Amino acid sequence: MNRKNIGDNSPETTDEITLSHVMKILAKHGTIVTEDEAEIILDFVSKMSKIAVDQYFRLGKKAFED
């Protein structure tokens, strides 16, 4: 999965998002977080993205069954 992300400081692949990167993104928008908070946020976003992809494919499959 080597998709390039948009932005100067973005990691080259989605599996390279680090706590430091999360902290920098949030700080850029005025939210300062600790490493522990960044880890919780990164874990949450990872779980939510998996749920979103799973639902997309589940709904897409139902659309093709009709």
Foldseek 3Di string as FASTA:
>chain_A
DQPQDDDDPDDRDPVPDALVNQQVVCVVVPDHDDSVVSVVVVVVVVVVVVVVVVVVVVVVVVVVVD
